C-alpha atoms as a PDB file:
ATOM      1  CA  MET A   1      12.622 -24.627  -8.217  1.00  0.00           C
ATOM      2  CA  VAL A   2      11.150 -23.201  -5.000  1.00  0.00           C
ATOM      3  CA  ALA A   3      14.049 -22.193  -2.477  1.00  0.00           C
ATOM      4  CA  ALA A   4      13.502 -22.656   1.387  1.00  0.00           C
ATOM      5  CA  ALA A   5      14.372 -20.332   3.899  1.00  0.00           C
ATOM      6  CA  GLY A   6      16.723 -21.563   5.787  1.00  0.00           C
ATOM      7  CA  ALA A   7      16.441 -18.892   8.887  1.00  0.00           C
ATOM      8  CA  VAL A   8      12.784 -20.111   9.485  1.00  0.00           C
ATOM      9  CA  LYS A   9      11.710 -23.216  11.216  1.00  0.00           C
ATOM     10  CA  GLU A  10      10.328 -25.916   8.782  1.00  0.00           C
ATOM     11  CA  SER A  11       8.462 -28.103  11.497  1.00  0.00           C
ATOM     12  CA  SER A  12       5.005 -28.256  11.143  1.00  0.00           C
ATOM     13  CA  SER A  13       4.103 -27.672  14.318  1.00  0.00           C
ATOM     14  CA  ASP A  14       5.644 -24.374  14.107  1.00  0.00           C
ATOM     15  CA  MET A  15       3.828 -23.021  11.367  1.00  0.00           C
ATOM     16  CA  HIS A  16       0.365 -21.328  11.636  1.00  0.00           C
ATOM     17  CA  THR A  17      -0.939 -22.025   8.134  1.00  0.00           C
ATOM     18  CA  ARG A  18      -0.918 -25.137   5.818  1.00  0.00           C
ATOM     19  CA  PRO A  19       1.545 -25.331   3.542  1.00  0.00           C
ATOM     20  CA  VAL A  20       1.452 -23.547   0.009  1.00  0.00           C
ATOM     21  CA  ASP A  21       0.747 -25.748  -2.892  1.00  0.00           C
ATOM     22  CA  PRO A  22       3.597 -25.384  -5.221  1.00  0.00           C
ATOM     23  CA  GLY A  23       1.471 -24.743  -8.209  1.00  0.00           C
ATOM     24  CA  SER A  24       0.162 -21.700  -6.630  1.00  0.00           C
ATOM     25  CA  LEU A  25       3.426 -20.164  -5.738  1.00  0.00           C
ATOM     26  CA  GLU A  26       4.521 -20.920  -9.609  1.00  0.00           C
ATOM     27  CA  ARG A  27       1.546 -18.922 -10.510  1.00  0.00           C
ATOM     28  CA  VAL A  28       2.004 -15.794  -7.788  1.00  0.00           C
ATOM     29  CA  ALA A  29       5.523 -16.194  -9.167  1.00  0.00           C
ATOM     30  CA  ASP A  30       4.960 -15.667 -12.608  1.00  0.00           C
ATOM     31  CA  ALA A  31       1.980 -13.220 -12.168  1.00  0.00           C
ATOM     32  CA  ALA A  32       4.319 -11.011 -10.507  1.00  0.00           C
ATOM     33  CA  GLY A  33       7.167 -11.200 -13.093  1.00  0.00           C
ATOM     34  CA  ARG A  34       4.636 -10.576 -15.767  1.00  0.00           C
ATOM     35  CA  LEU A  35       3.519  -7.450 -13.663  1.00  0.00           C
ATOM     36  CA  GLU A  36       7.138  -6.100 -13.176  1.00  0.00           C
ATOM     37  CA  ARG A  37       7.956  -6.731 -16.796  1.00  0.00           C
ATOM     38  CA  GLU A  38       5.338  -4.295 -18.094  1.00  0.00           C
ATOM     39  CA  LEU A  39       5.959  -1.947 -15.480  1.00  0.00           C
ATOM     40  CA  ALA A  40       9.609  -2.091 -16.387  1.00  0.00           C
ATOM     41  CA  LYS A  41       8.395  -0.711 -19.729  1.00  0.00           C
ATOM     42  CA  ALA A  42       6.986   2.561 -18.662  1.00  0.00           C
ATOM     43  CA  ILE A  43       8.752   3.196 -15.200  1.00  0.00           C
ATOM     44  CA  ILE A  44      12.708   3.604 -15.586  1.00  0.00           C
ATOM     45  CA  GLY A  45      14.439   2.810 -12.060  1.00  0.00           C
ATOM     46  CA  GLN A  46      12.485   2.787  -8.962  1.00  0.00           C
ATOM     47  CA  GLN A  47      13.030  -0.889  -8.427  1.00  0.00           C
ATOM     48  CA  ARG A  48      12.370  -0.918  -4.603  1.00  0.00           C
ATOM     49  CA  VAL A  49       9.384   1.471  -5.108  1.00  0.00           C
ATOM     50  CA  ILE A  50       7.733  -0.881  -7.649  1.00  0.00           C
ATOM     51  CA  ARG A  51       8.491  -3.873  -5.699  1.00  0.00           C
ATOM     52  CA  GLU A  52       7.123  -2.409  -2.624  1.00  0.00           C
ATOM     53  CA  ILE A  53       4.024  -1.371  -4.289  1.00  0.00           C
ATOM     54  CA  LEU A  54       3.475  -5.018  -5.926  1.00  0.00           C
ATOM     55  CA  ILE A  55       3.950  -6.580  -2.633  1.00  0.00           C
ATOM     56  CA  ALA A  56       0.781  -4.296  -1.056  1.00  0.00           C
ATOM     57  CA  PHE A  57      -1.176  -5.158  -4.473  1.00  0.00           C
ATOM     58  CA  VAL A  58      -0.315  -9.027  -3.910  1.00  0.00           C
ATOM     59  CA  ALA A  59      -1.128  -8.565  -0.292  1.00  0.00           C
ATOM     60  CA  GLY A  60      -4.338  -6.740  -0.701  1.00  0.00           C
ATOM     61  CA  GLY A  61      -3.393  -3.613   0.930  1.00  0.00           C
ATOM     62  CA  HIS A  62      -3.162   0.181   0.083  1.00  0.00           C
ATOM     63  CA  CYS A  63      -0.109   2.555  -0.217  1.00  0.00           C
ATOM     64  CA  LEU A  64       0.684   5.961   0.555  1.00  0.00           C
ATOM     65  CA  LEU A  65       3.241   7.193  -2.070  1.00  0.00           C
ATOM     66  CA  ARG A  66       5.636  10.100  -0.805  1.00  0.00           C
ATOM     67  CA  GLY A  67       7.687  11.886  -3.428  1.00  0.00           C
ATOM     68  CA  VAL A  68       8.512  15.484  -5.220  1.00  0.00           C
ATOM     69  CA  PRO A  69       6.246  16.309  -8.184  1.00  0.00           C
ATOM     70  CA  GLY A  70       7.527  14.646 -11.389  1.00  0.00           C
ATOM     71  CA  LEU A  71       8.796  11.427 -10.448  1.00  0.00           C
ATOM     72  CA  ALA A  72       6.029   8.945 -12.117  1.00  0.00           C
ATOM     73  CA  LYS A  73       3.809   8.564  -9.286  1.00  0.00           C
ATOM     74  CA  THR A  74       0.923   8.895 -11.496  1.00  0.00           C
ATOM     75  CA  LEU A  75       2.238   7.158 -14.366  1.00  0.00           C
ATOM     76  CA  LEU A  76       3.364   4.228 -12.241  1.00  0.00           C
ATOM     77  CA  ILE A  77      -0.589   3.533 -10.600  1.00  0.00           C
ATOM     78  CA  LYS A  78      -2.024   4.027 -14.007  1.00  0.00           C
ATOM     79  CA  THR A  79       0.495   1.456 -15.921  1.00  0.00           C
ATOM     80  CA  LEU A  80      -0.412  -0.890 -12.799  1.00  0.00           C
ATOM     81  CA  ALA A  81      -3.912  -0.689 -14.016  1.00  0.00           C
ATOM     82  CA  GLU A  82      -3.504  -1.443 -17.418  1.00  0.00           C
ATOM     83  CA  CYS A  83      -1.357  -4.179 -16.545  1.00  0.00           C
ATOM     84  CA  VAL A  84      -3.848  -6.257 -14.549  1.00  0.00           C
ATOM     85  CA  ASP A  85      -6.499  -4.957 -17.088  1.00  0.00           C
ATOM     86  CA  LEU A  86      -8.866  -3.073 -14.375  1.00  0.00           C
ATOM     87  CA  LYS A  87     -11.194  -0.012 -13.902  1.00  0.00           C
ATOM     88  CA  PHE A  88      -8.945   2.934 -12.857  1.00  0.00           C
ATOM     89  CA  ASN A  89      -9.763   6.190 -11.712  1.00  0.00           C
ATOM     90  CA  ARG A  90      -8.181   8.951 -10.418  1.00  0.00           C
ATOM     91  CA  ILE A  91      -9.364  11.409  -7.905  1.00  0.00           C
ATOM     92  CA  GLN A  92      -7.826  14.878  -7.525  1.00  0.00           C
ATOM     93  CA  PHE A  93      -8.080  15.830  -3.998  1.00  0.00           C
ATOM     94  CA  THR A  94      -8.745  19.736  -3.416  1.00  0.00           C
ATOM     95  CA  PRO A  95      -9.917  22.014  -0.767  1.00  0.00           C
ATOM     96  CA  ASP A  96     -13.661  22.134  -1.992  1.00  0.00           C
ATOM     97  CA  LEU A  97     -13.788  18.360  -3.082  1.00  0.00           C
ATOM     98  CA  MET A  98     -16.399  17.256  -0.921  1.00  0.00           C
ATOM     99  CA  PRO A  99     -17.392  13.457   0.248  1.00  0.00           C
ATOM    100  CA  SER A 100     -20.046  12.935  -2.263  1.00  0.00           C
ATOM    101  CA  ASP A 101     -17.521  13.804  -4.977  1.00  0.00           C
ATOM    102  CA  ILE A 102     -15.743  10.212  -4.334  1.00  0.00           C
ATOM    103  CA  VAL A 103     -18.172   7.980  -3.161  1.00  0.00           C
ATOM    104  CA  GLY A 104     -21.424   9.275  -5.339  1.00  0.00           C
ATOM    105  CA  ALA A 105     -24.708  10.866  -4.232  1.00  0.00           C
ATOM    106  CA  GLU A 106     -28.202  10.112  -4.738  1.00  0.00           C
ATOM    107  CA  VAL A 107     -30.210  12.534  -7.112  1.00  0.00           C
ATOM    108  CA  ILE A 108     -33.723  12.951  -7.854  1.00  0.00           C
ATOM    109  CA  GLU A 109     -35.206  12.074 -11.602  1.00  0.00           C
ATOM    110  CA  GLU A 110     -38.524  12.578 -13.368  1.00  0.00           C
ATOM    111  CA  ASP A 111     -39.962  10.062 -15.587  1.00  0.00           C
ATOM    112  CA  ARG A 112     -40.832  12.281 -18.562  1.00  0.00           C
ATOM    113  CA  ALA A 113     -43.376   9.557 -19.377  1.00  0.00           C
ATOM    114  CA  THR A 114     -45.451   9.175 -16.278  1.00  0.00           C
ATOM    115  CA  GLY A 115     -44.291  12.241 -14.226  1.00  0.00           C
ATOM    116  CA  ARG A 116     -43.406   9.841 -11.297  1.00  0.00           C
ATOM    117  CA  ARG A 117     -39.916  11.073  -9.653  1.00  0.00           C
ATOM    118  CA  VAL A 118     -37.270   8.382  -8.262  1.00  0.00           C
ATOM    119  CA  ILE A 119     -34.229   8.537  -6.311  1.00  0.00           C
ATOM    120  CA  ARG A 120     -31.317   6.918  -8.323  1.00  0.00           C
ATOM    121  CA  PHE A 121     -27.552   6.672  -6.779  1.00  0.00           C
ATOM    122  CA  ILE A 122     -24.939   7.712  -8.914  1.00  0.00           C
ATOM    123  CA  HIS A 123     -21.491   5.921  -7.952  1.00  0.00           C
ATOM    124  CA  GLY A 124     -18.771   8.374  -7.537  1.00  0.00           C
ATOM    125  CA  PRO A 125     -14.986   7.223  -8.739  1.00  0.00           C
ATOM    126  CA  VAL A 126     -14.488   5.436  -5.820  1.00  0.00           C
ATOM    127  CA  PHE A 127     -16.427   2.376  -8.013  1.00  0.00           C
ATOM    128  CA  ALA A 128     -13.232   1.207  -9.455  1.00  0.00           C
ATOM    129  CA  ASN A 129     -10.537  -1.347  -8.966  1.00  0.00           C
ATOM    130  CA  ILE A 130      -7.812   0.826  -8.476  1.00  0.00           C
ATOM    131  CA  ILE A 131      -7.912   4.606  -7.049  1.00  0.00           C
ATOM    132  CA  LEU A 132      -5.240   7.329  -7.437  1.00  0.00           C
ATOM    133  CA  ALA A 133      -5.692   9.739  -4.768  1.00  0.00           C
ATOM    134  CA  ASP A 134      -3.630  12.604  -5.877  1.00  0.00           C
ATOM    135  CA  GLU A 135      -2.406  15.021  -3.450  1.00  0.00           C
ATOM    136  CA  ILE A 136      -4.681  13.648  -0.588  1.00  0.00           C
ATOM    137  CA  ASN A 137      -3.427  15.673   1.894  1.00  0.00           C
ATOM    138  CA  ARG A 138      -4.899  18.690   0.389  1.00  0.00           C
ATOM    139  CA  THR A 139      -8.325  18.033   0.981  1.00  0.00           C
ATOM    140  CA  PRO A 140     -10.176  18.698   4.369  1.00  0.00           C
ATOM    141  CA  PRO A 141     -10.633  15.596   7.067  1.00  0.00           C
ATOM    142  CA  LYS A 142     -14.236  15.390   6.377  1.00  0.00           C
ATOM    143  CA  THR A 143     -13.112  14.365   2.767  1.00  0.00           C
ATOM    144  CA  GLN A 144     -10.336  12.267   3.666  1.00  0.00           C
ATOM    145  CA  ALA A 145     -12.799  10.460   6.104  1.00  0.00           C
ATOM    146  CA  ALA A 146     -14.823   9.020   2.760  1.00  0.00           C
ATOM    147  CA  LEU A 147     -12.499   6.537   2.070  1.00  0.00           C
ATOM    148  CA  LEU A 148     -11.921   5.260   5.436  1.00  0.00           C
ATOM    149  CA  GLU A 149     -15.018   2.645   4.916  1.00  0.00           C
ATOM    150  CA  ALA A 150     -13.905   2.095   1.333  1.00  0.00           C
ATOM    151  CA  MET A 151     -10.451   1.148   2.180  1.00  0.00           C
ATOM    152  CA  GLN A 152     -11.355  -1.072   5.515  1.00  0.00           C
ATOM    153  CA  GLU A 153     -14.754  -2.683   4.360  1.00  0.00           C
ATOM    154  CA  TYR A 154     -14.638  -2.463   0.523  1.00  0.00           C
ATOM    155  CA  GLN A 155     -17.893  -0.764   0.854  1.00  0.00           C
ATOM    156  CA  VAL A 156     -19.643   2.902   0.947  1.00  0.00           C
ATOM    157  CA  THR A 157     -22.708   3.644   2.945  1.00  0.00           C
ATOM    158  CA  VAL A 158     -25.071   6.496   1.387  1.00  0.00           C
ATOM    159  CA  ASN A 159     -28.372   7.213   3.615  1.00  0.00           C
ATOM    160  CA  GLY A 160     -27.838   3.789   5.327  1.00  0.00           C
ATOM    161  CA  VAL A 161     -27.577   1.840   2.299  1.00  0.00           C
ATOM    162  CA  ARG A 162     -24.433  -0.209   1.751  1.00  0.00           C
ATOM    163  CA  PHE A 163     -23.082  -0.320  -1.913  1.00  0.00           C
ATOM    164  CA  PRO A 164     -20.169  -3.109  -1.986  1.00  0.00           C
ATOM    165  CA  LEU A 165     -16.929  -2.491  -4.213  1.00  0.00           C
ATOM    166  CA  ASP A 166     -15.639  -4.196  -6.772  1.00  0.00           C
ATOM    167  CA  ARG A 167     -12.385  -6.689  -5.781  1.00  0.00           C
ATOM    168  CA  PRO A 168      -9.823  -5.970  -5.944  1.00  0.00           C
ATOM    169  CA  PHE A 169     -10.067  -2.654  -4.885  1.00  0.00           C
ATOM    170  CA  PHE A 170      -6.251  -0.552  -3.862  1.00  0.00           C
ATOM    171  CA  VAL A 171      -5.984   2.489  -3.190  1.00  0.00           C
ATOM    172  CA  LEU A 172      -2.588   4.522  -3.575  1.00  0.00           C
ATOM    173  CA  ALA A 173      -2.745   8.214  -2.468  1.00  0.00           C
ATOM    174  CA  THR A 174       0.410  10.440  -3.061  1.00  0.00           C
ATOM    175  CA  GLN A 175       1.401  13.057  -0.818  1.00  0.00           C
ATOM    176  CA  ASN A 176       4.125  16.040  -2.254  1.00  0.00           C
ATOM    177  CA  PRO A 177       6.384  16.330   0.995  1.00  0.00           C
ATOM    178  CA  ILE A 178       7.391  20.095   0.160  1.00  0.00           C
ATOM    179  CA  GLU A 179       4.312  22.005  -0.072  1.00  0.00           C
ATOM    180  CA  LEU A 180       2.541  22.557   3.253  1.00  0.00           C
ATOM    181  CA  GLU A 181       0.501  25.497   2.910  1.00  0.00           C
ATOM    182  CA  GLY A 182      -2.996  24.521   2.130  1.00  0.00           C
ATOM    183  CA  THR A 183      -2.884  21.154   3.390  1.00  0.00           C
ATOM    184  CA  TYR A 184      -4.272  18.973   5.869  1.00  0.00           C
ATOM    185  CA  PRO A 185      -2.423  16.189   7.585  1.00  0.00           C
ATOM    186  CA  LEU A 186      -3.845  12.656   7.282  1.00  0.00           C
ATOM    187  CA  PRO A 187      -5.288  11.816  10.945  1.00  0.00           C
ATOM    188  CA  GLU A 188      -3.764   8.575  12.240  1.00  0.00           C
ATOM    189  CA  ALA A 189      -6.746   6.541  11.824  1.00  0.00           C
ATOM    190  CA  GLN A 190      -6.658   6.969   8.419  1.00  0.00           C
ATOM    191  CA  LEU A 191      -2.710   6.879   7.886  1.00  0.00           C
ATOM    192  CA  ASP A 192      -3.074   3.270   9.816  1.00  0.00           C
ATOM    193  CA  ARG A 193      -5.539   1.876   7.075  1.00  0.00           C
ATOM    194  CA  PHE A 194      -2.486   2.062   4.506  1.00  0.00           C
ATOM    195  CA  MET A 195      -0.562  -1.377   4.773  1.00  0.00           C
ATOM    196  CA  PHE A 196       2.666   0.735   3.218  1.00  0.00           C
ATOM    197  CA  ASN A 197       4.233   4.423   3.223  1.00  0.00           C
ATOM    198  CA  VAL A 198       6.919   4.039  -0.062  1.00  0.00           C
ATOM    199  CA  VAL A 199       8.975   7.124  -0.143  1.00  0.00           C
ATOM    200  CA  ILE A 200      10.086   7.624  -3.822  1.00  0.00           C
ATOM    201  CA  GLU A 201      13.322   9.484  -4.410  1.00  0.00           C
ATOM    202  CA  TYR A 202      14.973  11.013  -7.358  1.00  0.00           C
ATOM    203  CA  PRO A 203      16.473   8.864 -10.039  1.00  0.00           C
ATOM    204  CA  THR A 204      19.856   8.108 -10.625  1.00  0.00           C
ATOM    205  CA  ALA A 205      22.039  10.212 -13.246  1.00  0.00           C
ATOM    206  CA  ASP A 206      21.790   7.374 -16.059  1.00  0.00           C
ATOM    207  CA  GLU A 207      18.201   6.854 -14.857  1.00  0.00           C
ATOM    208  CA  GLU A 208      17.298  10.243 -15.739  1.00  0.00           C
ATOM    209  CA  ARG A 209      19.265  10.548 -18.980  1.00  0.00           C
ATOM    210  CA  ARG A 210      17.086   7.292 -20.377  1.00  0.00           C
ATOM    211  CA  ILE A 211      13.983   9.000 -18.906  1.00  0.00           C
ATOM    212  CA  LEU A 212      14.709  12.198 -20.710  1.00  0.00           C
ATOM    213  CA  THR A 213      15.461  10.095 -23.936  1.00  0.00           C
ATOM    214  CA  MET A 214      12.501   7.768 -23.698  1.00  0.00           C
ATOM    215  CA  THR A 215      10.131  10.675 -22.989  1.00  0.00           C
ATOM    216  CA  THR A 216      11.288  13.128 -25.459  1.00  0.00           C
ATOM    217  CA  ALA A 217      10.816  10.853 -28.337  1.00  0.00           C
ATOM    218  CA  THR A 218       7.847   9.888 -30.954  1.00  0.00           C
ATOM    219  CA  GLN A 219       7.566   6.498 -29.376  1.00  0.00           C
ATOM    220  CA  HIS A 220       4.706   5.064 -26.837  1.00  0.00           C
ATOM    221  CA  VAL A 221       5.200   2.371 -24.728  1.00  0.00           C
ATOM    222  CA  GLN A 222       2.711  -0.110 -25.435  1.00  0.00           C
ATOM    223  CA  ILE A 223       1.076  -2.071 -22.362  1.00  0.00           C
ATOM    224  CA  ALA A 224      -0.025  -5.216 -22.393  1.00  0.00           C
ATOM    225  CA  ALA A 225      -2.816  -6.835 -19.599  1.00  0.00           C
ATOM    226  CA  VAL A 226      -0.667  -9.880 -18.139  1.00  0.00           C
ATOM    227  CA  ALA A 227      -3.334 -10.323 -15.364  1.00  0.00           C
ATOM    228  CA  THR A 228      -7.099 -10.302 -14.701  1.00  0.00           C
ATOM    229  CA  GLY A 229      -8.543  -9.485 -11.412  1.00  0.00           C
ATOM    230  CA  GLU A 230      -9.635 -12.797 -10.614  1.00  0.00           C
ATOM    231  CA  GLU A 231      -5.972 -13.763 -10.680  1.00  0.00           C
ATOM    232  CA  ILE A 232      -5.108 -11.031  -8.433  1.00  0.00           C
ATOM    233  CA  GLU A 233      -7.797 -11.945  -5.991  1.00  0.00           C
ATOM    234  CA  GLN A 234      -6.453 -15.584  -6.028  1.00  0.00           C
ATOM    235  CA  LEU A 235      -3.259 -14.119  -5.214  1.00  0.00           C
ATOM    236  CA  HIS A 236      -4.360 -12.026  -1.819  1.00  0.00           C
ATOM    237  CA  ALA A 237      -5.847 -15.478  -0.889  1.00  0.00           C
ATOM    238  CA  ILE A 238      -2.390 -17.511  -1.696  1.00  0.00           C
ATOM    239  CA  VAL A 239      -0.388 -14.604   0.385  1.00  0.00           C
ATOM    240  CA  ARG A 240      -2.621 -15.721   3.456  1.00  0.00           C
ATOM    241  CA  GLU A 241      -1.634 -19.725   2.913  1.00  0.00           C
ATOM    242  CA  VAL A 242       2.141 -19.302   2.869  1.00  0.00           C
ATOM    243  CA  PRO A 243       3.466 -20.124   6.290  1.00  0.00           C
ATOM    244  CA  ALA A 244       5.036 -18.061   9.117  1.00  0.00           C
ATOM    245  CA  ALA A 245       7.242 -19.834  11.987  1.00  0.00           C
ATOM    246  CA  GLU A 246       6.927 -18.728  15.346  1.00  0.00           C
ATOM    247  CA  ASN A 247      10.260 -16.897  15.435  1.00  0.00           C
ATOM    248  CA  VAL A 248       8.975 -14.769  12.351  1.00  0.00           C
ATOM    249  CA  VAL A 249       6.029 -13.897  14.275  1.00  0.00           C
ATOM    250  CA  ASP A 250       7.730 -13.447  17.252  1.00  0.00           C
ATOM    251  CA  PHE A 251      10.262 -10.806  15.787  1.00  0.00           C
ATOM    252  CA  ALA A 252       7.021  -9.047  14.151  1.00  0.00           C
ATOM    253  CA  THR A 253       5.383  -8.783  17.607  1.00  0.00           C
ATOM    254  CA  ARG A 254       8.673  -7.749  19.345  1.00  0.00           C
ATOM    255  CA  LEU A 255       9.647  -5.187  16.819  1.00  0.00           C
ATOM    256  CA  VAL A 256       5.762  -3.399  16.729  1.00  0.00           C
ATOM    257  CA  ARG A 257       5.599  -3.573  20.712  1.00  0.00           C
ATOM    258  CA  ALA A 258       9.186  -2.129  20.715  1.00  0.00           C
ATOM    259  CA  THR A 259       7.737   1.056  18.786  1.00  0.00           C
ATOM    260  CA  ARG A 260       5.606   1.863  21.939  1.00  0.00           C
ATOM    261  CA  PRO A 261       7.312   4.153  24.712  1.00  0.00           C
ATOM    262  CA  GLY A 262       7.429   1.744  28.058  1.00  0.00           C
ATOM    263  CA  ALA A 263       8.688  -0.941  29.815  1.00  0.00           C
ATOM    264  CA  GLU A 264       8.940  -3.491  26.734  1.00  0.00           C
ATOM    265  CA  ALA A 265      10.971  -0.032  24.257  1.00  0.00           C
ATOM    266  CA  PRO A 266      14.546   0.585  23.857  1.00  0.00           C
ATOM    267  CA  GLU A 267      15.651   3.928  25.438  1.00  0.00           C
ATOM    268  CA  PHE A 268      15.950   5.945  22.306  1.00  0.00           C
ATOM    269  CA  VAL A 269      12.351   4.942  21.933  1.00  0.00           C
ATOM    270  CA  GLN A 270      11.286   6.436  25.251  1.00  0.00           C
ATOM    271  CA  GLN A 271      13.071   9.247  24.426  1.00  0.00           C
ATOM    272  CA  TRP A 272      12.197  10.251  21.058  1.00  0.00           C
ATOM    273  CA  VAL A 273       8.755   8.581  20.445  1.00  0.00           C
ATOM    274  CA  ARG A 274       5.704  10.034  21.135  1.00  0.00           C
ATOM    275  CA  TRP A 275       3.270   7.102  19.986  1.00  0.00           C
ATOM    276  CA  GLY A 276       4.149   3.762  18.406  1.00  0.00           C
ATOM    277  CA  ALA A 277       2.314   1.258  16.082  1.00  0.00           C
ATOM    278  CA  GLY A 278      -0.652  -0.479  16.778  1.00  0.00           C
ATOM    279  CA  PRO A 279      -1.796  -4.396  15.988  1.00  0.00           C
ATOM    280  CA  ARG A 280      -2.783  -3.497  12.321  1.00  0.00           C
ATOM    281  CA  ALA A 281       1.231  -2.623  12.194  1.00  0.00           C
ATOM    282  CA  GLY A 282       1.905  -6.343  12.791  1.00  0.00           C
ATOM    283  CA  GLN A 283      -0.645  -7.739  10.785  1.00  0.00           C
ATOM    284  CA  ALA A 284       1.146  -5.637   7.761  1.00  0.00           C
ATOM    285  CA  LEU A 285       4.528  -6.824   8.830  1.00  0.00           C
ATOM    286  CA  LEU A 286       3.145 -10.941   8.608  1.00  0.00           C
ATOM    287  CA  LEU A 287       1.258 -10.019   5.159  1.00  0.00           C
ATOM    288  CA  GLY A 288       4.237  -7.934   3.576  1.00  0.00           C
ATOM    289  CA  ALA A 289       6.713 -10.644   4.633  1.00  0.00           C
ATOM    290  CA  LYS A 290       4.766 -13.279   3.483  1.00  0.00           C
ATOM    291  CA  ALA A 291       4.038 -11.308  -0.005  1.00  0.00           C
ATOM    292  CA  ARG A 292       7.897 -10.640  -0.288  1.00  0.00           C
ATOM    293  CA  ALA A 293       8.759 -14.317   0.485  1.00  0.00           C
ATOM    294  CA  LEU A 294       6.442 -15.388  -2.534  1.00  0.00           C
ATOM    295  CA  LEU A 295       7.431 -12.859  -5.088  1.00  0.00           C
ATOM    296  CA  ASP A 296      11.192 -14.145  -4.030  1.00  0.00           C
ATOM    297  CA  GLY A 297       9.917 -17.883  -4.829  1.00  0.00           C
ATOM    298  CA  ARG A 298      10.145 -18.879  -1.494  1.00  0.00           C
ATOM    299  CA  ILE A 299       7.163 -21.045   0.557  1.00  0.00           C
ATOM    300  CA  VAL A 300       7.834 -19.471   3.816  1.00  0.00           C
ATOM    301  CA  ALA A 301       8.282 -15.979   5.345  1.00  0.00           C
ATOM    302  CA  ALA A 302      11.701 -15.531   6.673  1.00  0.00           C
ATOM    303  CA  PRO A 303      12.619 -12.695   9.385  1.00  0.00           C
ATOM    304  CA  GLU A 304      14.903 -10.913   6.674  1.00  0.00           C
ATOM    305  CA  ASP A 305      11.385 -10.470   5.062  1.00  0.00           C
ATOM    306  CA  VAL A 306       9.887  -8.927   8.220  1.00  0.00           C
ATOM    307  CA  SER A 307      13.179  -6.286   8.380  1.00  0.00           C
ATOM    308  CA  ALA A 308      12.830  -5.777   4.722  1.00  0.00           C
ATOM    309  CA  VAL A 309       9.136  -4.288   4.599  1.00  0.00           C
ATOM    310  CA  ALA A 310       9.376  -2.896   8.150  1.00  0.00           C
ATOM    311  CA  PRO A 311      10.317   0.663   7.063  1.00  0.00           C
ATOM    312  CA  ALA A 312       7.601   0.833   4.451  1.00  0.00           C
ATOM    313  CA  VAL A 313       5.124  -0.441   7.590  1.00  0.00           C
ATOM    314  CA  LEU A 314       6.179   1.496  10.399  1.00  0.00           C
ATOM    315  CA  ARG A 315       7.046   5.172   8.958  1.00  0.00           C
ATOM    316  CA  HIS A 316       3.805   6.254   8.981  1.00  0.00           C
ATOM    317  CA  ARG A 317       2.740   4.546  12.451  1.00  0.00           C
ATOM    318  CA  VAL A 318       5.503   5.866  14.598  1.00  0.00           C
ATOM    319  CA  LEU A 319       5.202   9.365  15.322  1.00  0.00           C
ATOM    320  CA  VAL A 320       8.072  11.253  17.306  1.00  0.00           C
ATOM    321  CA  ASN A 321       8.104  13.839  19.587  1.00  0.00           C
ATOM    322  CA  PHE A 322       9.557  17.269  20.079  1.00  0.00           C
ATOM    323  CA  GLN A 323      12.777  16.032  21.484  1.00  0.00           C
ATOM    324  CA  ALA A 324      13.192  13.941  18.206  1.00  0.00           C
ATOM    325  CA  GLU A 325      12.389  16.893  15.906  1.00  0.00           C
ATOM    326  CA  ALA A 326      14.907  19.214  18.028  1.00  0.00           C
ATOM    327  CA  ASP A 327      17.774  16.306  17.634  1.00  0.00           C
ATOM    328  CA  GLY A 328      16.797  16.264  13.815  1.00  0.00           C
ATOM    329  CA  LEU A 329      15.624  12.531  13.796  1.00  0.00           C
ATOM    330  CA  ASP A 330      12.295  11.122  12.001  1.00  0.00           C
ATOM    331  CA  ALA A 331      10.556   8.322  12.098  1.00  0.00           C
ATOM    332  CA  ASP A 332      12.553   6.601   9.474  1.00  0.00           C
ATOM    333  CA  ALA A 333      16.076   7.177  11.799  1.00  0.00           C
ATOM    334  CA  ILE A 334      13.874   5.534  14.687  1.00  0.00           C
ATOM    335  CA  VAL A 335      12.527   2.276  12.693  1.00  0.00           C
ATOM    336  CA  GLY A 336      16.448   2.155  11.502  1.00  0.00           C
ATOM    337  CA  ARG A 337      17.764   2.209  15.092  1.00  0.00           C
ATOM    338  CA  LEU A 338      14.761  -0.660  16.106  1.00  0.00           C
ATOM    339  CA  LEU A 339      16.107  -2.828  13.523  1.00  0.00           C
ATOM    340  CA  ALA A 340      19.201  -2.603  14.709  1.00  0.00           C
ATOM    341  CA  ALA A 341      18.380  -3.200  18.194  1.00  0.00           C
ATOM    342  CA  ILE A 342      15.728  -5.875  17.701  1.00  0.00           C
ATOM    343  CA  ARG A 343      17.096  -8.936  16.501  1.00  0.00           C
ATOM    344  CA  PRO A 344      15.042 -12.069  14.990  1.00  0.00           C
END
């Protein structure tokens, strides 16, 4: 059964999109359930991480995943690719990686029969459906920027020629928060391209025991493809059809604007924040809220959906100043205070 969100005004005049077809809702819930069940076969615990990545995946966004080594970041995204039967490529970012190593390059080939030389474009690893950009902050900004056009425009341009990328296209980039030597912080323009910044924590004691038992045995988990690329593209369109009432849009707008130091911001933002989130953050809040509502079996987005996705949306878009660092506060602490101060 489809549950309505009681906190949302349901008058048709308040909705800025048409209601979702119940059949479409059932397809989304069914596809998401199948994906979660398959991912749970290979990934023990980390339900929050799995759910946030699925929300971004269903909404058509990209994810930045932050966590120490050994927490199954690579296994998670590889398993997701297997669940959807999509082409998966892993790019290991290193200091000597060049942009052409990502997008591809033109080469001159000679036809042995005619002796004629032709220029041919060789596709790079970015030409896949799911990309794992492993330790993206280990490569210089010039190479990091090679992903910008792909993530935003779903194409790459080489020598003035545009090459479209296959859809769906999902980038999950990982960062190691421990090592800073030999790394290049991602520029704000690229950080803003990621819909979510997902933090993966250590497993619980029980989960770790299960991990050790499963990964040191002879059995191997078999992952089945439970969705197609066409289905995922349909989900992207369905998410955008989910209605959001005016109070939900207003809440997302006020939350984003409150991150910016100025007259509309709380006093602690003016004291501790150097730079706030832009309009793309508001888009991510609403799309994430809509996707979360669908995954929970509801046909409208509610304010609590906005609150639930806000940490993943805002933690990489709120830049704290030196005063905040001196006081031991990070972006997560600021976002938590904002959610307490800005009410729906």
